[in-house]
Amino acid sequence: MINDLNWLLFFQPIVEGETIVWWEMLMSGLFWTLGLSLVAGVIAFFVGSLMGVFRTTSSKALSLIGNTYVEFFRNIPLIVQFFIWYFVVPELVPAIKSWSIEQDPTFVQFVASVLCLGLYTGARVAEQVKSGILSLPIGQRYAGYAMGFTEAETYRFVLLPMAYRIIVPPMTSEAMNLIKNSSVALTIGLTELTFRTREMGEMTFAFLEAYIAATILYVIVAMTVNRVMAHIEKKVAVPGYIAGGK
């Protein structure tokens, strides 16, 4: 069966007479997948770090904000959140609707996907940051206070640098999940890799070839992220906390 697959299809024009071929179309989808994952990852890291800190501070108000954020975004299915950001929010906020009408539809889909995926993943990052901070001996916090640091400075100079080094392994999983979750963006029309793969299958009926190619591309990207994170883990490992530090 594998021998019957038409691999030359990837070098055939999408439309007769056009110059763009199917492998170029898949690579354009991969470009959107990588762009979405990268920007959403940056948002997730900063928002998740902030919410993770909020959940471990002495302030009940900040703790409530952090806990509410995490519970809200973790308990709503990701696909529903995509629909909310793309279809519901513009209807509720006229200024956003007016802006989106004036923009290229693909750009609007990208922005909505970035916000949705970034904030959703941020809730998961917040859990990891909280776990990293709470795993540290309480003496480190007191040492920061003893040096005259404020609570904010204690987090910045004492707790977070250590916590980030401890949570590299679980953050590796979150980074890989982020790439896989980016495929849900096809539900609002973003032409990322899964969208292009389905499009190729529907137009050529070569579903097997299309999804084998997409699978290979996803594996390459995910394993690249895995190896980069493994290298970072080895470099920043804290002896006594993670295996890489031995």
C-alpha atoms as a PDB file:
ATOM      1  CA  MET A   1       0.000   0.000   0.000  1.00  0.00           C
ATOM      2  CA  ILE A   2       2.826   2.392   0.859  1.00  0.00           C
ATOM      3  CA  ASN A   3       4.355   1.712  -2.545  1.00  0.00           C
ATOM      4  CA  ASP A   4       1.138   2.892  -4.199  1.00  0.00           C
ATOM      5  CA  LEU A   5       1.308   6.344  -2.659  1.00  0.00           C
ATOM      6  CA  ASN A   6       1.772   9.221  -5.078  1.00  0.00           C
ATOM      7  CA  TRP A   7       4.632  11.211  -3.568  1.00  0.00           C
ATOM      8  CA  LEU A   8       5.084  13.180  -6.795  1.00  0.00           C
ATOM      9  CA  LEU A   9       1.789  14.853  -5.981  1.00  0.00           C
ATOM     10  CA  PHE A  10       3.635  17.270  -3.693  1.00  0.00           C
ATOM     11  CA  PHE A  11       5.425  18.703  -6.746  1.00  0.00           C
ATOM     12  CA  GLN A  12       2.274  19.152  -8.800  1.00  0.00           C
ATOM     13  CA  PRO A  13       0.565  22.563  -9.145  1.00  0.00           C
ATOM     14  CA  ILE A  14      -2.375  23.192  -6.851  1.00  0.00           C
ATOM     15  CA  VAL A  15      -4.358  24.518  -9.792  1.00  0.00           C
ATOM     16  CA  GLU A  16      -3.556  23.704 -13.373  1.00  0.00           C
ATOM     17  CA  GLY A  17      -1.613  26.554 -14.905  1.00  0.00           C
ATOM     18  CA  GLU A  18      -0.415  27.905 -11.559  1.00  0.00           C
ATOM     19  CA  THR A  19       3.185  27.737 -10.309  1.00  0.00           C
ATOM     20  CA  ILE A  20       2.505  27.035  -6.624  1.00  0.00           C
ATOM     21  CA  VAL A  21       2.832  23.338  -5.818  1.00  0.00           C
ATOM     22  CA  TRP A  22       1.472  21.357  -2.876  1.00  0.00           C
ATOM     23  CA  TRP A  23       4.675  21.136  -0.853  1.00  0.00           C
ATOM     24  CA  GLU A  24       4.908  24.930  -0.921  1.00  0.00           C
ATOM     25  CA  MET A  25       1.334  25.151   0.318  1.00  0.00           C
ATOM     26  CA  LEU A  26       2.101  22.809   3.215  1.00  0.00           C
ATOM     27  CA  MET A  27       5.182  24.831   4.103  1.00  0.00           C
ATOM     28  CA  SER A  28       3.111  28.028   4.146  1.00  0.00           C
ATOM     29  CA  GLY A  29       0.830  26.265   6.645  1.00  0.00           C
ATOM     30  CA  LEU A  30       3.870  25.285   8.705  1.00  0.00           C
ATOM     31  CA  PHE A  31       4.968  28.933   8.698  1.00  0.00           C
ATOM     32  CA  TRP A  32       1.655  29.981  10.265  1.00  0.00           C
ATOM     33  CA  THR A  33       1.888  27.132  12.783  1.00  0.00           C
ATOM     34  CA  LEU A  34       5.369  28.188  13.876  1.00  0.00           C
ATOM     35  CA  GLY A  35       4.456  31.875  13.991  1.00  0.00           C
ATOM     36  CA  LEU A  36       1.340  31.196  16.034  1.00  0.00           C
ATOM     37  CA  SER A  37       3.184  28.894  18.436  1.00  0.00           C
ATOM     38  CA  LEU A  38       6.065  31.325  18.925  1.00  0.00           C
ATOM     39  CA  VAL A  39       3.992  34.442  19.622  1.00  0.00           C
ATOM     40  CA  ALA A  40       1.472  32.551  21.756  1.00  0.00           C
ATOM     41  CA  GLY A  41       4.366  30.990  23.661  1.00  0.00           C
ATOM     42  CA  VAL A  42       5.797  34.405  24.527  1.00  0.00           C
ATOM     43  CA  ILE A  43       2.394  35.574  25.789  1.00  0.00           C
ATOM     44  CA  ALA A  44       1.916  32.347  27.750  1.00  0.00           C
ATOM     45  CA  PHE A  45       5.307  32.662  29.421  1.00  0.00           C
ATOM     46  CA  PHE A  46       4.872  36.232  30.642  1.00  0.00           C
ATOM     47  CA  VAL A  47       1.187  35.989  31.567  1.00  0.00           C
ATOM     48  CA  GLY A  48       1.688  32.562  33.142  1.00  0.00           C
ATOM     49  CA  SER A  49       4.674  33.808  35.137  1.00  0.00           C
ATOM     50  CA  LEU A  50       2.694  36.782  36.421  1.00  0.00           C
ATOM     51  CA  MET A  51      -0.299  34.649  37.404  1.00  0.00           C
ATOM     52  CA  GLY A  52       1.952  32.030  38.956  1.00  0.00           C
ATOM     53  CA  VAL A  53       3.550  34.714  41.117  1.00  0.00           C
ATOM     54  CA  PHE A  54       0.146  36.145  42.051  1.00  0.00           C
ATOM     55  CA  ARG A  55      -0.958  32.723  43.315  1.00  0.00           C
ATOM     56  CA  THR A  56       1.974  32.487  45.738  1.00  0.00           C
ATOM     57  CA  THR A  57       2.058  36.029  47.134  1.00  0.00           C
ATOM     58  CA  SER A  58       0.834  37.071  50.565  1.00  0.00           C
ATOM     59  CA  SER A  59      -1.816  39.285  48.960  1.00  0.00           C
ATOM     60  CA  LYS A  60      -5.266  37.668  49.020  1.00  0.00           C
ATOM     61  CA  ALA A  61      -6.466  39.940  46.213  1.00  0.00           C
ATOM     62  CA  LEU A  62      -3.605  38.970  43.875  1.00  0.00           C
ATOM     63  CA  SER A  63      -4.001  35.321  44.810  1.00  0.00           C
ATOM     64  CA  LEU A  64      -7.697  35.511  43.948  1.00  0.00           C
ATOM     65  CA  ILE A  65      -6.905  37.075  40.559  1.00  0.00           C
ATOM     66  CA  GLY A  66      -4.354  34.370  39.767  1.00  0.00           C
ATOM     67  CA  ASN A  67      -6.597  31.505  40.863  1.00  0.00           C
ATOM     68  CA  THR A  68      -9.597  32.899  38.987  1.00  0.00           C
ATOM     69  CA  TYR A  69      -7.550  33.268  35.812  1.00  0.00           C
ATOM     70  CA  VAL A  70      -6.242  29.701  35.971  1.00  0.00           C
ATOM     71  CA  GLU A  71      -9.609  28.137  36.767  1.00  0.00           C
ATOM     72  CA  PHE A  72     -11.363  30.130  34.038  1.00  0.00           C
ATOM     73  CA  PHE A  73      -8.998  29.264  31.199  1.00  0.00           C
ATOM     74  CA  ARG A  74      -8.343  25.669  32.254  1.00  0.00           C
ATOM     75  CA  ASN A  75     -12.014  24.708  32.543  1.00  0.00           C
ATOM     76  CA  ILE A  76     -13.259  25.919  29.167  1.00  0.00           C
ATOM     77  CA  PRO A  77     -12.474  23.652  26.171  1.00  0.00           C
ATOM     78  CA  LEU A  78      -9.845  25.158  23.904  1.00  0.00           C
ATOM     79  CA  ILE A  79     -12.046  24.978  20.793  1.00  0.00           C
ATOM     80  CA  VAL A  80     -14.775  26.922  22.612  1.00  0.00           C
ATOM     81  CA  GLN A  81     -12.240  29.589  23.551  1.00  0.00           C
ATOM     82  CA  PHE A  82     -11.241  29.931  19.900  1.00  0.00           C
ATOM     83  CA  PHE A  83     -14.874  30.530  18.963  1.00  0.00           C
ATOM     84  CA  ILE A  84     -15.305  33.045  21.787  1.00  0.00           C
ATOM     85  CA  TRP A  85     -12.273  35.103  20.773  1.00  0.00           C
ATOM     86  CA  TYR A  86     -13.083  35.069  17.058  1.00  0.00           C
ATOM     87  CA  PHE A  87     -16.894  35.204  16.946  1.00  0.00           C
ATOM     88  CA  VAL A  88     -18.135  36.469  20.318  1.00  0.00           C
ATOM     89  CA  VAL A  89     -15.638  39.109  21.490  1.00  0.00           C
ATOM     90  CA  PRO A  90     -15.985  41.289  18.329  1.00  0.00           C
ATOM     91  CA  GLU A  91     -19.771  41.288  18.777  1.00  0.00           C
ATOM     92  CA  LEU A  92     -19.441  42.387  22.400  1.00  0.00           C
ATOM     93  CA  VAL A  93     -16.847  45.095  21.733  1.00  0.00           C
ATOM     94  CA  PRO A  94     -17.847  47.341  18.784  1.00  0.00           C
ATOM     95  CA  ALA A  95     -14.351  48.846  18.521  1.00  0.00           C
ATOM     96  CA  ILE A  96     -12.826  45.409  17.970  1.00  0.00           C
ATOM     97  CA  LYS A  97     -15.498  44.546  15.411  1.00  0.00           C
ATOM     98  CA  SER A  98     -14.839  47.765  13.469  1.00  0.00           C
ATOM     99  CA  TRP A  99     -11.098  47.082  13.546  1.00  0.00           C
ATOM    100  CA  SER A 100     -11.488  43.473  12.405  1.00  0.00           C
ATOM    101  CA  ILE A 101     -13.671  44.459   9.448  1.00  0.00           C
ATOM    102  CA  GLU A 102     -10.924  46.754   8.168  1.00  0.00           C
ATOM    103  CA  GLN A 103      -8.165  44.127   8.477  1.00  0.00           C
ATOM    104  CA  ASP A 104      -7.167  41.188   6.343  1.00  0.00           C
ATOM    105  CA  PRO A 105      -9.220  38.171   7.537  1.00  0.00           C
ATOM    106  CA  THR A 106      -6.107  36.024   7.926  1.00  0.00           C
ATOM    107  CA  PHE A 107      -4.490  38.613  10.184  1.00  0.00           C
ATOM    108  CA  VAL A 108      -7.617  38.795  12.342  1.00  0.00           C
ATOM    109  CA  GLN A 109      -7.663  34.998  12.606  1.00  0.00           C
ATOM    110  CA  PHE A 110      -4.001  35.023  13.579  1.00  0.00           C
ATOM    111  CA  VAL A 111      -4.493  37.661  16.290  1.00  0.00           C
ATOM    112  CA  ALA A 112      -7.491  35.829  17.723  1.00  0.00           C
ATOM    113  CA  SER A 113      -5.559  32.538  17.684  1.00  0.00           C
ATOM    114  CA  VAL A 114      -2.526  34.086  19.369  1.00  0.00           C
ATOM    115  CA  LEU A 115      -4.607  35.597  22.169  1.00  0.00           C
ATOM    116  CA  CYS A 116      -6.625  32.439  22.676  1.00  0.00           C
ATOM    117  CA  LEU A 117      -3.736  29.999  22.629  1.00  0.00           C
ATOM    118  CA  GLY A 118      -1.435  32.310  24.591  1.00  0.00           C
ATOM    119  CA  LEU A 119      -3.886  32.913  27.429  1.00  0.00           C
ATOM    120  CA  TYR A 120      -4.986  29.266  27.535  1.00  0.00           C
ATOM    121  CA  THR A 121      -1.399  28.032  27.731  1.00  0.00           C
ATOM    122  CA  GLY A 122      -0.615  30.812  30.197  1.00  0.00           C
ATOM    123  CA  ALA A 123      -2.954  29.154  32.684  1.00  0.00           C
ATOM    124  CA  ARG A 124      -0.947  25.952  32.383  1.00  0.00           C
ATOM    125  CA  VAL A 125       2.345  27.833  32.709  1.00  0.00           C
ATOM    126  CA  ALA A 126       0.994  29.531  35.844  1.00  0.00           C
ATOM    127  CA  GLU A 127       0.553  26.099  37.423  1.00  0.00           C
ATOM    128  CA  GLN A 128       4.156  25.188  36.626  1.00  0.00           C
ATOM    129  CA  VAL A 129       5.517  28.497  37.954  1.00  0.00           C
ATOM    130  CA  LYS A 130       3.492  28.130  41.135  1.00  0.00           C
ATOM    131  CA  SER A 131       4.799  24.589  41.632  1.00  0.00           C
ATOM    132  CA  GLY A 132       8.366  25.741  41.052  1.00  0.00           C
ATOM    133  CA  ILE A 133       8.100  28.552  43.594  1.00  0.00           C
ATOM    134  CA  LEU A 134       6.425  26.385  46.236  1.00  0.00           C
ATOM    135  CA  SER A 135       9.069  23.686  45.807  1.00  0.00           C
ATOM    136  CA  LEU A 136      11.743  26.077  47.060  1.00  0.00           C
ATOM    137  CA  PRO A 137      12.667  26.056  50.758  1.00  0.00           C
ATOM    138  CA  ILE A 138      10.858  28.805  52.665  1.00  0.00           C
ATOM    139  CA  GLY A 139      14.256  29.913  53.885  1.00  0.00           C
ATOM    140  CA  GLN A 140      15.033  31.375  50.478  1.00  0.00           C
ATOM    141  CA  ARG A 141      12.096  33.748  50.747  1.00  0.00           C
ATOM    142  CA  TYR A 142      13.122  34.758  54.261  1.00  0.00           C
ATOM    143  CA  ALA A 143      16.710  35.234  53.103  1.00  0.00           C
ATOM    144  CA  GLY A 144      15.495  37.705  50.499  1.00  0.00           C
ATOM    145  CA  TYR A 145      13.573  39.646  53.113  1.00  0.00           C
ATOM    146  CA  ALA A 146      16.597  39.569  55.442  1.00  0.00           C
ATOM    147  CA  MET A 147      18.682  41.204  52.704  1.00  0.00           C
ATOM    148  CA  GLY A 148      16.258  44.090  52.597  1.00  0.00           C
ATOM    149  CA  PHE A 149      14.427  43.064  49.402  1.00  0.00           C
ATOM    150  CA  THR A 150      10.759  43.883  49.006  1.00  0.00           C
ATOM    151  CA  GLU A 151       8.425  41.015  48.140  1.00  0.00           C
ATOM    152  CA  ALA A 152       8.577  41.929  44.451  1.00  0.00           C
ATOM    153  CA  GLU A 153      12.382  42.076  44.536  1.00  0.00           C
ATOM    154  CA  THR A 154      12.529  38.755  46.377  1.00  0.00           C
ATOM    155  CA  TYR A 155      10.559  37.137  43.569  1.00  0.00           C
ATOM    156  CA  ARG A 156      12.666  38.799  40.891  1.00  0.00           C
ATOM    157  CA  PHE A 157      16.140  38.160  42.305  1.00  0.00           C
ATOM    158  CA  VAL A 158      15.728  35.098  44.519  1.00  0.00           C
ATOM    159  CA  LEU A 159      12.674  32.935  43.863  1.00  0.00           C
ATOM    160  CA  LEU A 160      11.946  33.137  40.136  1.00  0.00           C
ATOM    161  CA  PRO A 161      15.525  32.505  38.909  1.00  0.00           C
ATOM    162  CA  MET A 162      15.536  29.243  40.868  1.00  0.00           C
ATOM    163  CA  ALA A 163      11.944  28.319  40.064  1.00  0.00           C
ATOM    164  CA  TYR A 164      12.462  28.714  36.310  1.00  0.00           C
ATOM    165  CA  ARG A 165      15.423  26.340  36.406  1.00  0.00           C
ATOM    166  CA  ILE A 166      13.405  23.738  38.275  1.00  0.00           C
ATOM    167  CA  ILE A 167      10.409  23.776  35.932  1.00  0.00           C
ATOM    168  CA  VAL A 168      12.275  23.366  32.640  1.00  0.00           C
ATOM    169  CA  PRO A 169      11.206  19.684  32.248  1.00  0.00           C
ATOM    170  CA  PRO A 170       7.437  20.318  32.599  1.00  0.00           C
ATOM    171  CA  MET A 171       7.773  23.454  30.485  1.00  0.00           C
ATOM    172  CA  THR A 172       9.154  21.237  27.726  1.00  0.00           C
ATOM    173  CA  SER A 173       5.867  19.359  27.684  1.00  0.00           C
ATOM    174  CA  GLU A 174       3.929  22.627  27.648  1.00  0.00           C
ATOM    175  CA  ALA A 175       5.953  23.885  24.669  1.00  0.00           C
ATOM    176  CA  MET A 176       5.233  20.712  22.719  1.00  0.00           C
ATOM    177  CA  ASN A 177       1.548  20.850  23.666  1.00  0.00           C
ATOM    178  CA  LEU A 178       1.429  24.426  22.456  1.00  0.00           C
ATOM    179  CA  ILE A 179       2.551  23.364  18.986  1.00  0.00           C
ATOM    180  CA  LYS A 180      -0.013  20.565  18.860  1.00  0.00           C
ATOM    181  CA  ASN A 181      -2.814  22.789  20.163  1.00  0.00           C
ATOM    182  CA  SER A 182      -2.113  25.317  17.410  1.00  0.00           C
ATOM    183  CA  SER A 183      -3.909  22.951  15.029  1.00  0.00           C
ATOM    184  CA  VAL A 184      -7.239  23.916  16.637  1.00  0.00           C
ATOM    185  CA  ALA A 185      -6.872  27.306  14.912  1.00  0.00           C
ATOM    186  CA  LEU A 186      -8.153  25.683  11.729  1.00  0.00           C
ATOM    187  CA  THR A 187     -11.652  25.869  13.262  1.00  0.00           C
ATOM    188  CA  ILE A 188     -11.696  29.653  12.766  1.00  0.00           C
ATOM    189  CA  GLY A 189     -10.090  29.488   9.328  1.00  0.00           C
ATOM    190  CA  LEU A 190      -6.409  30.152  10.018  1.00  0.00           C
ATOM    191  CA  THR A 191      -4.448  28.465   7.235  1.00  0.00           C
ATOM    192  CA  GLU A 192      -1.967  26.673   9.496  1.00  0.00           C
ATOM    193  CA  LEU A 193      -0.478  23.248   8.778  1.00  0.00           C
ATOM    194  CA  THR A 194      -3.508  21.105   9.654  1.00  0.00           C
ATOM    195  CA  PHE A 195      -5.783  23.382   7.621  1.00  0.00           C
ATOM    196  CA  ARG A 196      -3.524  23.073   4.572  1.00  0.00           C
ATOM    197  CA  THR A 197      -3.248  19.317   5.064  1.00  0.00           C
ATOM    198  CA  ARG A 198      -7.014  18.888   5.095  1.00  0.00           C
ATOM    199  CA  GLU A 199      -7.293  21.210   2.097  1.00  0.00           C
ATOM    200  CA  MET A 200      -4.814  19.101   0.143  1.00  0.00           C
ATOM    201  CA  GLY A 201      -6.666  15.915   1.018  1.00  0.00           C
ATOM    202  CA  GLU A 202     -10.050  17.304  -0.009  1.00  0.00           C
ATOM    203  CA  MET A 203      -8.797  18.693  -3.306  1.00  0.00           C
ATOM    204  CA  THR A 204      -6.650  15.730  -4.385  1.00  0.00           C
ATOM    205  CA  PHE A 205      -8.233  12.854  -2.388  1.00  0.00           C
ATOM    206  CA  ALA A 206      -4.672  11.968  -1.375  1.00  0.00           C
ATOM    207  CA  PHE A 207      -5.492  12.062   2.319  1.00  0.00           C
ATOM    208  CA  LEU A 208      -2.902   9.471   3.272  1.00  0.00           C
ATOM    209  CA  GLU A 209      -0.020  11.270   1.577  1.00  0.00           C
ATOM    210  CA  ALA A 210      -1.111  14.635   2.983  1.00  0.00           C
ATOM    211  CA  TYR A 211      -1.433  13.456   6.577  1.00  0.00           C
ATOM    212  CA  ILE A 212       1.790  11.447   6.472  1.00  0.00           C
ATOM    213  CA  ALA A 213       3.599  14.614   5.373  1.00  0.00           C
ATOM    214  CA  ALA A 214       1.907  16.684   8.086  1.00  0.00           C
ATOM    215  CA  THR A 215       2.751  14.098  10.722  1.00  0.00           C
ATOM    216  CA  ILE A 216       6.411  14.157   9.724  1.00  0.00           C
ATOM    217  CA  LEU A 217       6.490  17.955   9.891  1.00  0.00           C
ATOM    218  CA  TYR A 218       4.843  18.032  13.327  1.00  0.00           C
ATOM    219  CA  VAL A 219       7.251  15.392  14.644  1.00  0.00           C
ATOM    220  CA  ILE A 220      10.272  17.303  13.322  1.00  0.00           C
ATOM    221  CA  VAL A 221       9.115  20.544  14.949  1.00  0.00           C
ATOM    222  CA  ALA A 222       8.163  18.890  18.251  1.00  0.00           C
ATOM    223  CA  MET A 223      11.416  16.941  18.494  1.00  0.00           C
ATOM    224  CA  THR A 224      13.421  20.063  17.682  1.00  0.00           C
ATOM    225  CA  VAL A 225      11.725  21.867  20.554  1.00  0.00           C
ATOM    226  CA  ASN A 226      12.329  18.839  22.775  1.00  0.00           C
ATOM    227  CA  ARG A 227      16.060  18.787  22.024  1.00  0.00           C
ATOM    228  CA  VAL A 228      16.437  22.541  22.506  1.00  0.00           C
ATOM    229  CA  MET A 229      14.664  22.365  25.854  1.00  0.00           C
ATOM    230  CA  ALA A 230      16.745  19.338  26.871  1.00  0.00           C
ATOM    231  CA  HIS A 231      19.900  21.337  26.154  1.00  0.00           C
ATOM    232  CA  ILE A 232      18.574  24.248  28.222  1.00  0.00           C
ATOM    233  CA  GLU A 233      17.666  21.851  31.031  1.00  0.00           C
ATOM    234  CA  LYS A 234      21.188  20.472  31.082  1.00  0.00           C
ATOM    235  CA  LYS A 235      22.747  23.935  31.167  1.00  0.00           C
ATOM    236  CA  VAL A 236      20.592  25.382  33.946  1.00  0.00           C
ATOM    237  CA  ALA A 237      20.018  22.238  36.036  1.00  0.00           C
ATOM    238  CA  VAL A 238      19.977  22.789  39.801  1.00  0.00           C
ATOM    239  CA  PRO A 239      21.817  20.011  41.680  1.00  0.00           C
ATOM    240  CA  GLY A 240      19.461  18.173  43.979  1.00  0.00           C
ATOM    241  CA  TYR A 241      16.319  19.292  42.160  1.00  0.00           C
ATOM    242  CA  ILE A 242      16.412  17.658  38.707  1.00  0.00           C
ATOM    243  CA  ALA A 243      18.383  14.751  37.307  1.00  0.00           C
ATOM    244  CA  GLY A 244      20.342  16.899  34.904  1.00  0.00           C
ATOM    245  CA  GLY A 245      22.083  18.558  37.810  1.00  0.00           C
ATOM    246  CA  LYS A 246      23.843  15.436  39.045  1.00  0.00           C
END
